[in-house]
PDB file of N, CA and C in Angstrom:
ATOM      1  N   GLN A   1      -3.170 -19.958   4.175  1.00  0.00           N
ATOM      2  CA  GLN A   1      -2.392 -19.491   3.597  1.00  0.00           C
ATOM      3  C   GLN A   1      -2.406 -17.642   3.341  1.00  0.00           C
ATOM      4  N   VAL A   2      -2.142 -16.909   3.244  1.00  0.00           N
ATOM      5  CA  VAL A   2      -2.511 -15.420   3.430  1.00  0.00           C
ATOM      6  C   VAL A   2      -2.533 -14.880   1.995  1.00  0.00           C
ATOM      7  N   GLN A   3      -3.167 -14.152   1.312  1.00  0.00           N
ATOM      8  CA  GLN A   3      -3.720 -14.202   0.256  1.00  0.00           C
ATOM      9  C   GLN A   3      -3.732 -12.974   0.329  1.00  0.00           C
ATOM     10  N   PHE A   4      -3.973 -11.754  -1.063  1.00  0.00           N
ATOM     11  CA  PHE A   4      -4.118 -10.126  -0.382  1.00  0.00           C
ATOM     12  C   PHE A   4      -4.564 -10.013  -1.866  1.00  0.00           C
ATOM     13  N   VAL A   5      -5.512  -9.164  -2.101  1.00  0.00           N
ATOM     14  CA  VAL A   5      -5.976  -8.354  -3.416  1.00  0.00           C
ATOM     15  C   VAL A   5      -6.105  -7.265  -3.196  1.00  0.00           C
ATOM     16  N   GLU A   6      -5.607  -5.828  -4.355  1.00  0.00           N
ATOM     17  CA  GLU A   6      -5.345  -4.779  -3.597  1.00  0.00           C
ATOM     18  C   GLU A   6      -6.468  -3.582  -4.787  1.00  0.00           C
ATOM     19  N   SER A   7      -6.567  -3.201  -4.868  1.00  0.00           N
ATOM     20  CA  SER A   7      -7.830  -2.167  -4.989  1.00  0.00           C
ATOM     21  C   SER A   7      -7.873  -0.742  -4.835  1.00  0.00           C
ATOM     22  N   GLY A   8      -8.238   0.181  -5.833  1.00  0.00           N
ATOM     23  CA  GLY A   8      -8.611   1.045  -6.057  1.00  0.00           C
ATOM     24  C   GLY A   8      -7.610   2.410  -6.148  1.00  0.00           C
ATOM     25  N   GLY A   9      -6.770   1.607  -7.881  1.00  0.00           N
ATOM     26  CA  GLY A   9      -5.901   2.414  -8.264  1.00  0.00           C
ATOM     27  C   GLY A   9      -6.258   3.019  -9.073  1.00  0.00           C
ATOM     28  N   GLY A  10      -5.712   3.990  -9.641  1.00  0.00           N
ATOM     29  CA  GLY A  10      -6.142   5.053 -11.533  1.00  0.00           C
ATOM     30  C   GLY A  10      -5.543   5.372 -11.286  1.00  0.00           C
ATOM     31  N   LEU A  11      -5.931   6.688 -13.077  1.00  0.00           N
ATOM     32  CA  LEU A  11      -5.176   7.486 -12.914  1.00  0.00           C
ATOM     33  C   LEU A  11      -5.799   9.054 -11.970  1.00  0.00           C
ATOM     34  N   VAL A  12      -4.597   9.622 -12.332  1.00  0.00           N
ATOM     35  CA  VAL A  12      -4.909  10.818 -11.414  1.00  0.00           C
ATOM     36  C   VAL A  12      -3.729  12.004 -11.567  1.00  0.00           C
ATOM     37  N   GLN A  13      -3.944  13.036 -10.992  1.00  0.00           N
ATOM     38  CA  GLN A  13      -3.373  14.378 -11.244  1.00  0.00           C
ATOM     39  C   GLN A  13      -1.958  14.889 -10.728  1.00  0.00           C
ATOM     40  N   PRO A  14      -1.393  15.751 -10.641  1.00  0.00           N
ATOM     41  CA  PRO A  14      -0.661  15.229  -9.397  1.00  0.00           C
ATOM     42  C   PRO A  14      -1.048  16.454  -8.602  1.00  0.00           C
ATOM     43  N   GLY A  15      -1.195  16.012  -7.554  1.00  0.00           N
ATOM     44  CA  GLY A  15      -1.966  16.850  -6.350  1.00  0.00           C
ATOM     45  C   GLY A  15      -2.501  16.077  -5.862  1.00  0.00           C
ATOM     46  N   GLY A  16      -3.418  15.344  -6.509  1.00  0.00           N
ATOM     47  CA  GLY A  16      -4.735  14.496  -6.140  1.00  0.00           C
ATOM     48  C   GLY A  16      -4.294  13.280  -5.370  1.00  0.00           C
ATOM     49  N   SER A  17      -6.491  12.577  -5.022  1.00  0.00           N
ATOM     50  CA  SER A  17      -5.780  11.958  -3.969  1.00  0.00           C
ATOM     51  C   SER A  17      -6.040  10.364  -4.299  1.00  0.00           C
ATOM     52  N   LEU A  18      -5.959   9.309  -4.250  1.00  0.00           N
ATOM     53  CA  LEU A  18      -6.250   8.231  -4.095  1.00  0.00           C
ATOM     54  C   LEU A  18      -6.342   7.366  -2.637  1.00  0.00           C
ATOM     55  N   ARG A  19      -7.090   5.889  -2.534  1.00  0.00           N
ATOM     56  CA  ARG A  19      -7.568   5.536  -1.622  1.00  0.00           C
ATOM     57  C   ARG A  19      -7.214   4.623  -1.354  1.00  0.00           C
ATOM     58  N   LEU A  20      -5.823   3.420  -1.947  1.00  0.00           N
ATOM     59  CA  LEU A  20      -6.007   2.034  -1.492  1.00  0.00           C
ATOM     60  C   LEU A  20      -6.103   0.977  -1.759  1.00  0.00           C
ATOM     61  N   SER A  21      -7.032   0.358  -1.512  1.00  0.00           N
ATOM     62  CA  SER A  21      -7.362  -0.918  -0.126  1.00  0.00           C
ATOM     63  C   SER A  21      -6.735  -1.781  -0.444  1.00  0.00           C
ATOM     64  N   CYS A  22      -6.274  -3.024   0.872  1.00  0.00           N
ATOM     65  CA  CYS A  22      -5.757  -4.162   0.321  1.00  0.00           C
ATOM     66  C   CYS A  22      -7.250  -5.191   1.507  1.00  0.00           C
ATOM     67  N   VAL A  23      -7.710  -5.984   0.671  1.00  0.00           N
ATOM     68  CA  VAL A  23      -8.819  -7.297   1.367  1.00  0.00           C
ATOM     69  C   VAL A  23      -7.231  -8.864   1.759  1.00  0.00           C
ATOM     70  N   VAL A  24      -7.421  -8.813   3.486  1.00  0.00           N
ATOM     71  CA  VAL A  24      -5.946 -10.094   3.152  1.00  0.00           C
ATOM     72  C   VAL A  24      -7.175 -11.241   3.540  1.00  0.00           C
ATOM     73  N   SER A  25      -7.175 -12.364   3.083  1.00  0.00           N
ATOM     74  CA  SER A  25      -7.845 -13.635   3.014  1.00  0.00           C
ATOM     75  C   SER A  25      -6.633 -14.546   4.452  1.00  0.00           C
ATOM     76  N   GLY A  26      -7.511 -14.489   4.902  1.00  0.00           N
ATOM     77  CA  GLY A  26      -6.923 -15.067   6.146  1.00  0.00           C
ATOM     78  C   GLY A  26      -7.124 -14.005   7.680  1.00  0.00           C
ATOM     79  N   ASP A  27      -5.918 -15.459   8.651  1.00  0.00           N
ATOM     80  CA  ASP A  27      -6.200 -14.121  10.231  1.00  0.00           C
ATOM     81  C   ASP A  27      -5.534 -12.802  10.437  1.00  0.00           C
ATOM     82  N   MET A  28      -6.475 -11.738   9.836  1.00  0.00           N
ATOM     83  CA  MET A  28      -4.968 -10.248  10.202  1.00  0.00           C
ATOM     84  C   MET A  28      -4.319 -10.353  11.519  1.00  0.00           C
ATOM     85  N   TRP A  29      -5.892 -10.318  13.082  1.00  0.00           N
ATOM     86  CA  TRP A  29      -4.771 -11.098  14.266  1.00  0.00           C
ATOM     87  C   TRP A  29      -3.789 -10.842  14.003  1.00  0.00           C
ATOM     88  N   SER A  30      -2.607 -12.569  13.642  1.00  0.00           N
ATOM     89  CA  SER A  30      -2.178 -13.339  13.780  1.00  0.00           C
ATOM     90  C   SER A  30      -0.614 -12.328  13.270  1.00  0.00           C
ATOM     91  N   ILE A  31      -1.112 -10.986  11.866  1.00  0.00           N
ATOM     92  CA  ILE A  31       0.306 -11.019  11.072  1.00  0.00           C
ATOM     93  C   ILE A  31       0.290  -9.779  12.476  1.00  0.00           C
ATOM     94  N   PRO A  32       1.637  -9.153  12.685  1.00  0.00           N
ATOM     95  CA  PRO A  32       1.965  -8.168  13.541  1.00  0.00           C
ATOM     96  C   PRO A  32       2.285  -7.154  12.630  1.00  0.00           C
ATOM     97  N   ALA A  33       2.860  -7.462  11.438  1.00  0.00           N
ATOM     98  CA  ALA A  33       2.730  -5.852  10.630  1.00  0.00           C
ATOM     99  C   ALA A  33       2.809  -5.968   9.624  1.00  0.00           C
ATOM    100  N   MET A  34       2.351  -4.986   8.284  1.00  0.00           N
ATOM    101  CA  MET A  34       1.696  -4.753   7.369  1.00  0.00           C
ATOM    102  C   MET A  34       2.020  -4.295   6.426  1.00  0.00           C
ATOM    103  N   GLY A  35       2.566  -4.311   4.892  1.00  0.00           N
ATOM    104  CA  GLY A  35       3.185  -3.147   4.722  1.00  0.00           C
ATOM    105  C   GLY A  35       2.082  -2.786   2.601  1.00  0.00           C
ATOM    106  N   TRP A  36       2.862  -1.971   2.913  1.00  0.00           N
ATOM    107  CA  TRP A  36       2.438  -1.047   0.900  1.00  0.00           C
ATOM    108  C   TRP A  36       3.487  -1.266   0.536  1.00  0.00           C
ATOM    109  N   TYR A  37       3.822  -2.352  -0.946  1.00  0.00           N
ATOM    110  CA  TYR A  37       5.118  -1.304  -1.811  1.00  0.00           C
ATOM    111  C   TYR A  37       4.565  -1.277  -2.565  1.00  0.00           C
ATOM    112  N   ARG A  38       5.227  -1.081  -3.622  1.00  0.00           N
ATOM    113  CA  ARG A  38       5.152  -0.219  -4.925  1.00  0.00           C
ATOM    114  C   ARG A  38       6.556   0.110  -6.116  1.00  0.00           C
ATOM    115  N   GLN A  39       5.874  -0.730  -7.648  1.00  0.00           N
ATOM    116  CA  GLN A  39       7.479  -1.255  -8.075  1.00  0.00           C
ATOM    117  C   GLN A  39       6.938  -0.503  -9.868  1.00  0.00           C
ATOM    118  N   GLY A  40       7.584   0.240  -9.610  1.00  0.00           N
ATOM    119  CA  GLY A  40       7.161   1.704 -11.113  1.00  0.00           C
ATOM    120  C   GLY A  40       8.394   1.193 -12.438  1.00  0.00           C
ATOM    121  N   PRO A  41       7.766   1.244 -12.791  1.00  0.00           N
ATOM    122  CA  PRO A  41       8.224   0.955 -14.535  1.00  0.00           C
ATOM    123  C   PRO A  41       9.464   0.760 -14.482  1.00  0.00           C
ATOM    124  N   GLY A  42      10.239  -0.163 -14.090  1.00  0.00           N
ATOM    125  CA  GLY A  42      11.797  -0.133 -14.741  1.00  0.00           C
ATOM    126  C   GLY A  42      12.453   0.283 -13.557  1.00  0.00           C
ATOM    127  N   LYS A  43      11.734  -0.118 -12.422  1.00  0.00           N
ATOM    128  CA  LYS A  43      12.157   0.440 -11.014  1.00  0.00           C
ATOM    129  C   LYS A  43      11.907  -1.871 -10.938  1.00  0.00           C
ATOM    130  N   GLU A  44      12.462  -1.491  -9.018  1.00  0.00           N
ATOM    131  CA  GLU A  44      12.534  -2.906  -8.444  1.00  0.00           C
ATOM    132  C   GLU A  44      11.838  -2.033  -7.886  1.00  0.00           C
ATOM    133  N   ARG A  45      10.698  -3.506  -6.767  1.00  0.00           N
ATOM    134  CA  ARG A  45      10.018  -3.355  -5.773  1.00  0.00           C
ATOM    135  C   ARG A  45      10.216  -2.515  -4.862  1.00  0.00           C
ATOM    136  N   GLU A  46      10.286  -1.206  -3.951  1.00  0.00           N
ATOM    137  CA  GLU A  46      10.247  -1.391  -2.880  1.00  0.00           C
ATOM    138  C   GLU A  46       9.071  -0.464  -1.801  1.00  0.00           C
ATOM    139  N   GLY A  47       9.370  -0.724   0.008  1.00  0.00           N
ATOM    140  CA  GLY A  47       8.619  -1.096   0.464  1.00  0.00           C
ATOM    141  C   GLY A  47       8.181   0.576   0.568  1.00  0.00           C
ATOM    142  N   VAL A  48       7.200   0.835   0.676  1.00  0.00           N
ATOM    143  CA  VAL A  48       6.155   2.268   1.265  1.00  0.00           C
ATOM    144  C   VAL A  48       6.152   1.985   2.640  1.00  0.00           C
ATOM    145  N   VAL A  49       5.380   1.774   3.247  1.00  0.00           N
ATOM    146  CA  VAL A  49       4.799   2.418   4.939  1.00  0.00           C
ATOM    147  C   VAL A  49       4.503   1.159   5.336  1.00  0.00           C
ATOM    148  N   ILE A  50       5.491   1.265   6.342  1.00  0.00           N
ATOM    149  CA  ILE A  50       5.505  -0.771   7.020  1.00  0.00           C
ATOM    150  C   ILE A  50       4.126  -0.779   8.554  1.00  0.00           C
ATOM    151  N   PHE A  51       3.564  -1.163   8.630  1.00  0.00           N
ATOM    152  CA  PHE A  51       2.685  -0.445   9.998  1.00  0.00           C
ATOM    153  C   PHE A  51       1.913  -1.384  10.968  1.00  0.00           C
ATOM    154  N   ARG A  52       2.666  -1.319  12.385  1.00  0.00           N
ATOM    155  CA  ARG A  52       1.998  -2.524  12.739  1.00  0.00           C
ATOM    156  C   ARG A  52       1.056  -1.828  14.234  1.00  0.00           C
ATOM    157  N   ASN A  53       0.866  -0.890  13.979  1.00  0.00           N
ATOM    158  CA  ASN A  53       0.070   0.124  14.874  1.00  0.00           C
ATOM    159  C   ASN A  53       0.412   1.384  14.879  1.00  0.00           C
ATOM    160  N   THR A  54      -0.875   2.511  15.360  1.00  0.00           N
ATOM    161  CA  THR A  54      -0.618   3.442  14.550  1.00  0.00           C
ATOM    162  C   THR A  54       0.788   4.136  15.335  1.00  0.00           C
ATOM    163  N   GLU A  55       1.014   3.491  16.039  1.00  0.00           N
ATOM    164  CA  GLU A  55       2.045   4.461  16.619  1.00  0.00           C
ATOM    165  C   GLU A  55       3.367   3.372  17.082  1.00  0.00           C
ATOM    166  N   ASP A  56       3.716   2.859  15.987  1.00  0.00           N
ATOM    167  CA  ASP A  56       4.175   2.070  15.022  1.00  0.00           C
ATOM    168  C   ASP A  56       4.673   2.275  13.744  1.00  0.00           C
ATOM    169  N   THR A  57       4.927   3.119  13.078  1.00  0.00           N
ATOM    170  CA  THR A  57       4.338   3.077  11.674  1.00  0.00           C
ATOM    171  C   THR A  57       5.681   3.244  11.330  1.00  0.00           C
ATOM    172  N   SER A  58       5.837   3.108   9.953  1.00  0.00           N
ATOM    173  CA  SER A  58       7.516   2.917   9.303  1.00  0.00           C
ATOM    174  C   SER A  58       7.043   3.747   7.782  1.00  0.00           C
ATOM    175  N   TYR A  59       7.286   5.790   6.751  1.00  0.00           N
ATOM    176  CA  TYR A  59       6.654   5.560   6.137  1.00  0.00           C
ATOM    177  C   TYR A  59       8.682   6.113   5.217  1.00  0.00           C
ATOM    178  N   THR A  60       8.300   5.203   4.384  1.00  0.00           N
ATOM    179  CA  THR A  60       9.574   6.048   3.371  1.00  0.00           C
ATOM    180  C   THR A  60       9.506   7.621   2.917  1.00  0.00           C
ATOM    181  N   SER A  61      10.876   7.880   2.754  1.00  0.00           N
ATOM    182  CA  SER A  61      11.019   9.242   2.716  1.00  0.00           C
ATOM    183  C   SER A  61      10.156  10.239   1.968  1.00  0.00           C
ATOM    184  N   SER A  62       9.682   9.906   0.823  1.00  0.00           N
ATOM    185  CA  SER A  62       9.157  10.625  -0.590  1.00  0.00           C
ATOM    186  C   SER A  62       8.263  10.900   0.175  1.00  0.00           C
ATOM    187  N   VAL A  63       7.594   9.395   0.710  1.00  0.00           N
ATOM    188  CA  VAL A  63       6.078   9.841   1.067  1.00  0.00           C
ATOM    189  C   VAL A  63       5.034  10.468   2.221  1.00  0.00           C
ATOM    190  N   LYS A  64       6.142   9.903   3.089  1.00  0.00           N
ATOM    191  CA  LYS A  64       6.524  10.685   4.771  1.00  0.00           C
ATOM    192  C   LYS A  64       5.360  12.018   4.543  1.00  0.00           C
ATOM    193  N   GLY A  65       4.100  12.551   5.380  1.00  0.00           N
ATOM    194  CA  GLY A  65       3.356  13.584   5.129  1.00  0.00           C
ATOM    195  C   GLY A  65       2.615  13.609   4.377  1.00  0.00           C
ATOM    196  N   ARG A  66       2.341  13.050   3.122  1.00  0.00           N
ATOM    197  CA  ARG A  66       1.604  13.062   2.350  1.00  0.00           C
ATOM    198  C   ARG A  66       0.937  11.354   1.884  1.00  0.00           C
ATOM    199  N   PHE A  67       1.246  10.789   2.985  1.00  0.00           N
ATOM    200  CA  PHE A  67       0.123   8.465   2.580  1.00  0.00           C
ATOM    201  C   PHE A  67      -0.027   8.951   3.572  1.00  0.00           C
ATOM    202  N   ILE A  68      -1.044   7.929   4.647  1.00  0.00           N
ATOM    203  CA  ILE A  68      -1.541   7.283   5.511  1.00  0.00           C
ATOM    204  C   ILE A  68      -1.928   6.246   5.334  1.00  0.00           C
ATOM    205  N   VAL A  69      -1.547   5.449   6.365  1.00  0.00           N
ATOM    206  CA  VAL A  69      -2.114   3.856   6.427  1.00  0.00           C
ATOM    207  C   VAL A  69      -2.747   3.572   7.435  1.00  0.00           C
ATOM    208  N   SER A  70      -3.249   3.135   7.420  1.00  0.00           N
ATOM    209  CA  SER A  70      -4.349   1.769   8.377  1.00  0.00           C
ATOM    210  C   SER A  70      -5.103   0.705   7.955  1.00  0.00           C
ATOM    211  N   ARG A  71      -5.426  -0.084   8.999  1.00  0.00           N
ATOM    212  CA  ARG A  71      -5.575  -0.859   9.141  1.00  0.00           C
ATOM    213  C   ARG A  71      -7.052  -1.499  10.081  1.00  0.00           C
ATOM    214  N   ASP A  72      -7.710  -2.698   9.183  1.00  0.00           N
ATOM    215  CA  ASP A  72      -9.091  -2.914  10.000  1.00  0.00           C
ATOM    216  C   ASP A  72      -9.459  -4.027  10.482  1.00  0.00           C
ATOM    217  N   ASN A  73      -8.376  -4.749  11.985  1.00  0.00           N
ATOM    218  CA  ASN A  73      -8.342  -6.328  10.957  1.00  0.00           C
ATOM    219  C   ASN A  73      -9.886  -6.966  11.615  1.00  0.00           C
ATOM    220  N   ALA A  74     -10.265  -5.714  12.073  1.00  0.00           N
ATOM    221  CA  ALA A  74     -12.438  -6.658  12.103  1.00  0.00           C
ATOM    222  C   ALA A  74     -13.161  -6.553  10.299  1.00  0.00           C
ATOM    223  N   LYS A  75     -12.566  -6.531   9.656  1.00  0.00           N
ATOM    224  CA  LYS A  75     -12.594  -5.926   8.064  1.00  0.00           C
ATOM    225  C   LYS A  75     -11.708  -6.877   7.502  1.00  0.00           C
ATOM    226  N   ASN A  76     -10.209  -7.136   8.041  1.00  0.00           N
ATOM    227  CA  ASN A  76     -10.072  -7.842   6.980  1.00  0.00           C
ATOM    228  C   ASN A  76      -9.186  -6.468   5.724  1.00  0.00           C
ATOM    229  N   THR A  77      -8.387  -5.469   6.456  1.00  0.00           N
ATOM    230  CA  THR A  77      -8.504  -4.983   5.600  1.00  0.00           C
ATOM    231  C   THR A  77      -7.381  -3.577   5.539  1.00  0.00           C
ATOM    232  N   VAL A  78      -6.328  -3.631   4.709  1.00  0.00           N
ATOM    233  CA  VAL A  78      -5.385  -2.496   4.619  1.00  0.00           C
ATOM    234  C   VAL A  78      -5.267  -1.744   4.234  1.00  0.00           C
ATOM    235  N   THR A  79      -5.147  -0.100   4.504  1.00  0.00           N
ATOM    236  CA  THR A  79      -5.777   0.872   3.294  1.00  0.00           C
ATOM    237  C   THR A  79      -4.699   2.298   3.358  1.00  0.00           C
ATOM    238  N   LEU A  80      -4.810   2.134   2.618  1.00  0.00           N
ATOM    239  CA  LEU A  80      -3.084   3.661   2.366  1.00  0.00           C
ATOM    240  C   LEU A  80      -3.785   4.965   1.615  1.00  0.00           C
ATOM    241  N   GLN A  81      -4.075   5.693   2.238  1.00  0.00           N
ATOM    242  CA  GLN A  81      -4.360   7.106   1.840  1.00  0.00           C
ATOM    243  C   GLN A  81      -3.515   8.021   1.269  1.00  0.00           C
ATOM    244  N   MET A  82      -3.322   8.380  -0.194  1.00  0.00           N
ATOM    245  CA  MET A  82      -1.963   9.009  -0.756  1.00  0.00           C
ATOM    246  C   MET A  82      -3.163  10.472  -1.129  1.00  0.00           C
ATOM    247  N   ASN A  83      -2.150  11.117  -0.850  1.00  0.00           N
ATOM    248  CA  ASN A  83      -2.703  12.406  -0.910  1.00  0.00           C
ATOM    249  C   ASN A  83      -1.515  13.040  -1.770  1.00  0.00           C
ATOM    250  N   ASP A  84      -1.386  14.539  -2.338  1.00  0.00           N
ATOM    251  CA  ASP A  84      -0.632  15.154  -3.093  1.00  0.00           C
ATOM    252  C   ASP A  84       0.016  14.247  -3.772  1.00  0.00           C
ATOM    253  N   LEU A  85      -0.528  13.479  -4.954  1.00  0.00           N
ATOM    254  CA  LEU A  85       0.546  11.992  -5.774  1.00  0.00           C
ATOM    255  C   LEU A  85       1.245  13.465  -7.041  1.00  0.00           C
ATOM    256  N   LYS A  86       2.351  12.571  -7.180  1.00  0.00           N
ATOM    257  CA  LYS A  86       3.275  13.043  -7.833  1.00  0.00           C
ATOM    258  C   LYS A  86       3.589  12.125  -8.961  1.00  0.00           C
ATOM    259  N   PRO A  87       4.033  12.486 -10.012  1.00  0.00           N
ATOM    260  CA  PRO A  87       4.379  11.146 -10.878  1.00  0.00           C
ATOM    261  C   PRO A  87       5.290  10.597 -10.628  1.00  0.00           C
ATOM    262  N   GLU A  88       6.192  10.420  -9.489  1.00  0.00           N
ATOM    263  CA  GLU A  88       7.398   9.682  -9.038  1.00  0.00           C
ATOM    264  C   GLU A  88       6.124   8.176  -8.514  1.00  0.00           C
ATOM    265  N   ASP A  89       5.550   9.102  -8.238  1.00  0.00           N
ATOM    266  CA  ASP A  89       4.805   8.030  -7.397  1.00  0.00           C
ATOM    267  C   ASP A  89       3.924   6.606  -7.999  1.00  0.00           C
ATOM    268  N   THR A  90       4.007   6.958  -9.486  1.00  0.00           N
ATOM    269  CA  THR A  90       3.200   6.542 -10.651  1.00  0.00           C
ATOM    270  C   THR A  90       4.148   4.816 -10.138  1.00  0.00           C
ATOM    271  N   ALA A  91       2.749   3.316  -9.869  1.00  0.00           N
ATOM    272  CA  ALA A  91       3.460   2.474  -9.367  1.00  0.00           C
ATOM    273  C   ALA A  91       1.905   1.274  -9.604  1.00  0.00           C
ATOM    274  N   VAL A  92       3.194   0.360  -9.409  1.00  0.00           N
ATOM    275  CA  VAL A  92       2.008  -0.710  -8.677  1.00  0.00           C
ATOM    276  C   VAL A  92       2.228  -0.754  -8.122  1.00  0.00           C
ATOM    277  N   TYR A  93       1.560  -0.912  -6.925  1.00  0.00           N
ATOM    278  CA  TYR A  93       1.249  -1.038  -5.967  1.00  0.00           C
ATOM    279  C   TYR A  93       0.767  -2.437  -4.919  1.00  0.00           C
ATOM    280  N   TYR A  94       1.445  -2.877  -4.055  1.00  0.00           N
ATOM    281  CA  TYR A  94       1.212  -4.525  -3.697  1.00  0.00           C
ATOM    282  C   TYR A  94       0.698  -4.202  -2.417  1.00  0.00           C
ATOM    283  N   CYS A  95       0.205  -5.049  -1.661  1.00  0.00           N
ATOM    284  CA  CYS A  95       0.091  -5.197   0.313  1.00  0.00           C
ATOM    285  C   CYS A  95       0.710  -6.645   0.555  1.00  0.00           C
ATOM    286  N   ASN A  96       0.972  -6.440   1.721  1.00  0.00           N
ATOM    287  CA  ASN A  96       1.412  -8.448   2.690  1.00  0.00           C
ATOM    288  C   ASN A  96       2.326  -7.835   3.366  1.00  0.00           C
ATOM    289  N   THR A  97       2.766  -9.164   4.447  1.00  0.00           N
ATOM    290  CA  THR A  97       3.045  -8.981   5.874  1.00  0.00           C
ATOM    291  C   THR A  97       4.546  -8.082   4.974  1.00  0.00           C
ATOM    292  N   TYR A  98       4.852  -8.067   7.014  1.00  0.00           N
ATOM    293  CA  TYR A  98       6.328  -6.961   7.119  1.00  0.00           C
ATOM    294  C   TYR A  98       6.533  -8.121   8.463  1.00  0.00           C
ATOM    295  N   PRO A  99       8.115  -8.901   8.124  1.00  0.00           N
ATOM    296  CA  PRO A  99       8.562  -9.113   6.463  1.00  0.00           C
ATOM    297  C   PRO A  99       7.526  -9.853   5.335  1.00  0.00           C
ATOM    298  N   THR A 100       7.687  -9.559   4.430  1.00  0.00           N
ATOM    299  CA  THR A 100       6.759 -10.441   2.571  1.00  0.00           C
ATOM    300  C   THR A 100       6.784 -11.762   3.500  1.00  0.00           C
ATOM    301  N   LYS A 101       5.528 -12.645   2.836  1.00  0.00           N
ATOM    302  CA  LYS A 101       5.060 -13.782   2.587  1.00  0.00           C
ATOM    303  C   LYS A 101       4.029 -14.200   2.588  1.00  0.00           C
ATOM    304  N   GLY A 102       4.222 -15.540   1.553  1.00  0.00           N
ATOM    305  CA  GLY A 102       2.697 -15.613   0.581  1.00  0.00           C
ATOM    306  C   GLY A 102       2.969 -14.904  -0.244  1.00  0.00           C
ATOM    307  N   PRO A 103       2.252 -15.040  -1.148  1.00  0.00           N
ATOM    308  CA  PRO A 103       1.942 -14.561  -2.570  1.00  0.00           C
ATOM    309  C   PRO A 103       2.171 -13.569  -2.468  1.00  0.00           C
ATOM    310  N   TRP A 104       2.225 -12.966  -3.708  1.00  0.00           N
ATOM    311  CA  TRP A 104       2.128 -10.931  -4.105  1.00  0.00           C
ATOM    312  C   TRP A 104       0.878 -11.466  -4.356  1.00  0.00           C
ATOM    313  N   GLY A 105      -0.160 -10.404  -4.597  1.00  0.00           N
ATOM    314  CA  GLY A 105      -1.813  -9.904  -5.734  1.00  0.00           C
ATOM    315  C   GLY A 105      -1.277  -9.161  -6.196  1.00  0.00           C
ATOM    316  N   PRO A 106      -2.323  -9.090  -6.837  1.00  0.00           N
ATOM    317  CA  PRO A 106      -2.097  -8.999  -8.138  1.00  0.00           C
ATOM    318  C   PRO A 106      -1.803  -7.134  -8.438  1.00  0.00           C
ATOM    319  N   GLY A 107      -1.906  -6.774  -7.314  1.00  0.00           N
ATOM    320  CA  GLY A 107      -1.707  -5.283  -7.526  1.00  0.00           C
ATOM    321  C   GLY A 107      -2.012  -4.751  -7.539  1.00  0.00           C
ATOM    322  N   THR A 108      -2.537  -2.879  -7.571  1.00  0.00           N
ATOM    323  CA  THR A 108      -3.686  -2.151  -8.287  1.00  0.00           C
ATOM    324  C   THR A 108      -2.786  -0.564  -8.531  1.00  0.00           C
ATOM    325  N   GLN A 109      -2.722  -0.932 -10.444  1.00  0.00           N
ATOM    326  CA  GLN A 109      -1.981   0.100 -10.411  1.00  0.00           C
ATOM    327  C   GLN A 109      -2.332   2.261 -10.327  1.00  0.00           C
ATOM    328  N   VAL A 110      -1.661   2.845  -9.897  1.00  0.00           N
ATOM    329  CA  VAL A 110      -1.539   3.939 -10.336  1.00  0.00           C
ATOM    330  C   VAL A 110      -0.462   4.543 -10.537  1.00  0.00           C
ATOM    331  N   THR A 111      -1.285   5.860 -11.885  1.00  0.00           N
ATOM    332  CA  THR A 111      -0.874   6.504 -12.918  1.00  0.00           C
ATOM    333  C   THR A 111      -1.158   7.994 -12.362  1.00  0.00           C
ATOM    334  N   VAL A 112      -0.016   8.498 -12.065  1.00  0.00           N
ATOM    335  CA  VAL A 112       0.387  10.240 -11.917  1.00  0.00           C
ATOM    336  C   VAL A 112       0.202  10.888 -13.066  1.00  0.00           C
ATOM    337  N   SER A 113      -0.712  11.175 -14.028  1.00  0.00           N
ATOM    338  CA  SER A 113      -0.148  11.964 -14.764  1.00  0.00           C
ATOM    339  C   SER A 113      -0.888  13.370 -15.075  1.00  0.00           C
ATOM    340  N   SER A 114      -0.670  14.477 -16.269  1.00  0.00           N
ATOM    341  CA  SER A 114      -1.416  15.265 -16.417  1.00  0.00           C
ATOM    342  C   SER A 114      -1.981  15.227 -17.413  1.00  0.00           C
TER     343      SER A 114
END
């Protein structure tokens, strides 16, 4: 069963940047699409980005132009570079396959506040 461990979150001021990482246990080569998801305070979990390859990536409109996703199958990692962060980006961030399967990891908390 594929499992996920996210890291890299923290407290950052508006306009700042963070780089999240997700280590995937299991065979990443067999996973056609990965996603980053987030759950803000009092909100439902939502998809942030779906990533198949550099030519086939879909960002939710609120992060388009600010977030960049990449994956390294050899290192079993998926990375989310987040730039120009806004208070509304505050959430716990998770990675999983797309569509989701397997248990959710612990997530990593991102707090954007001055």
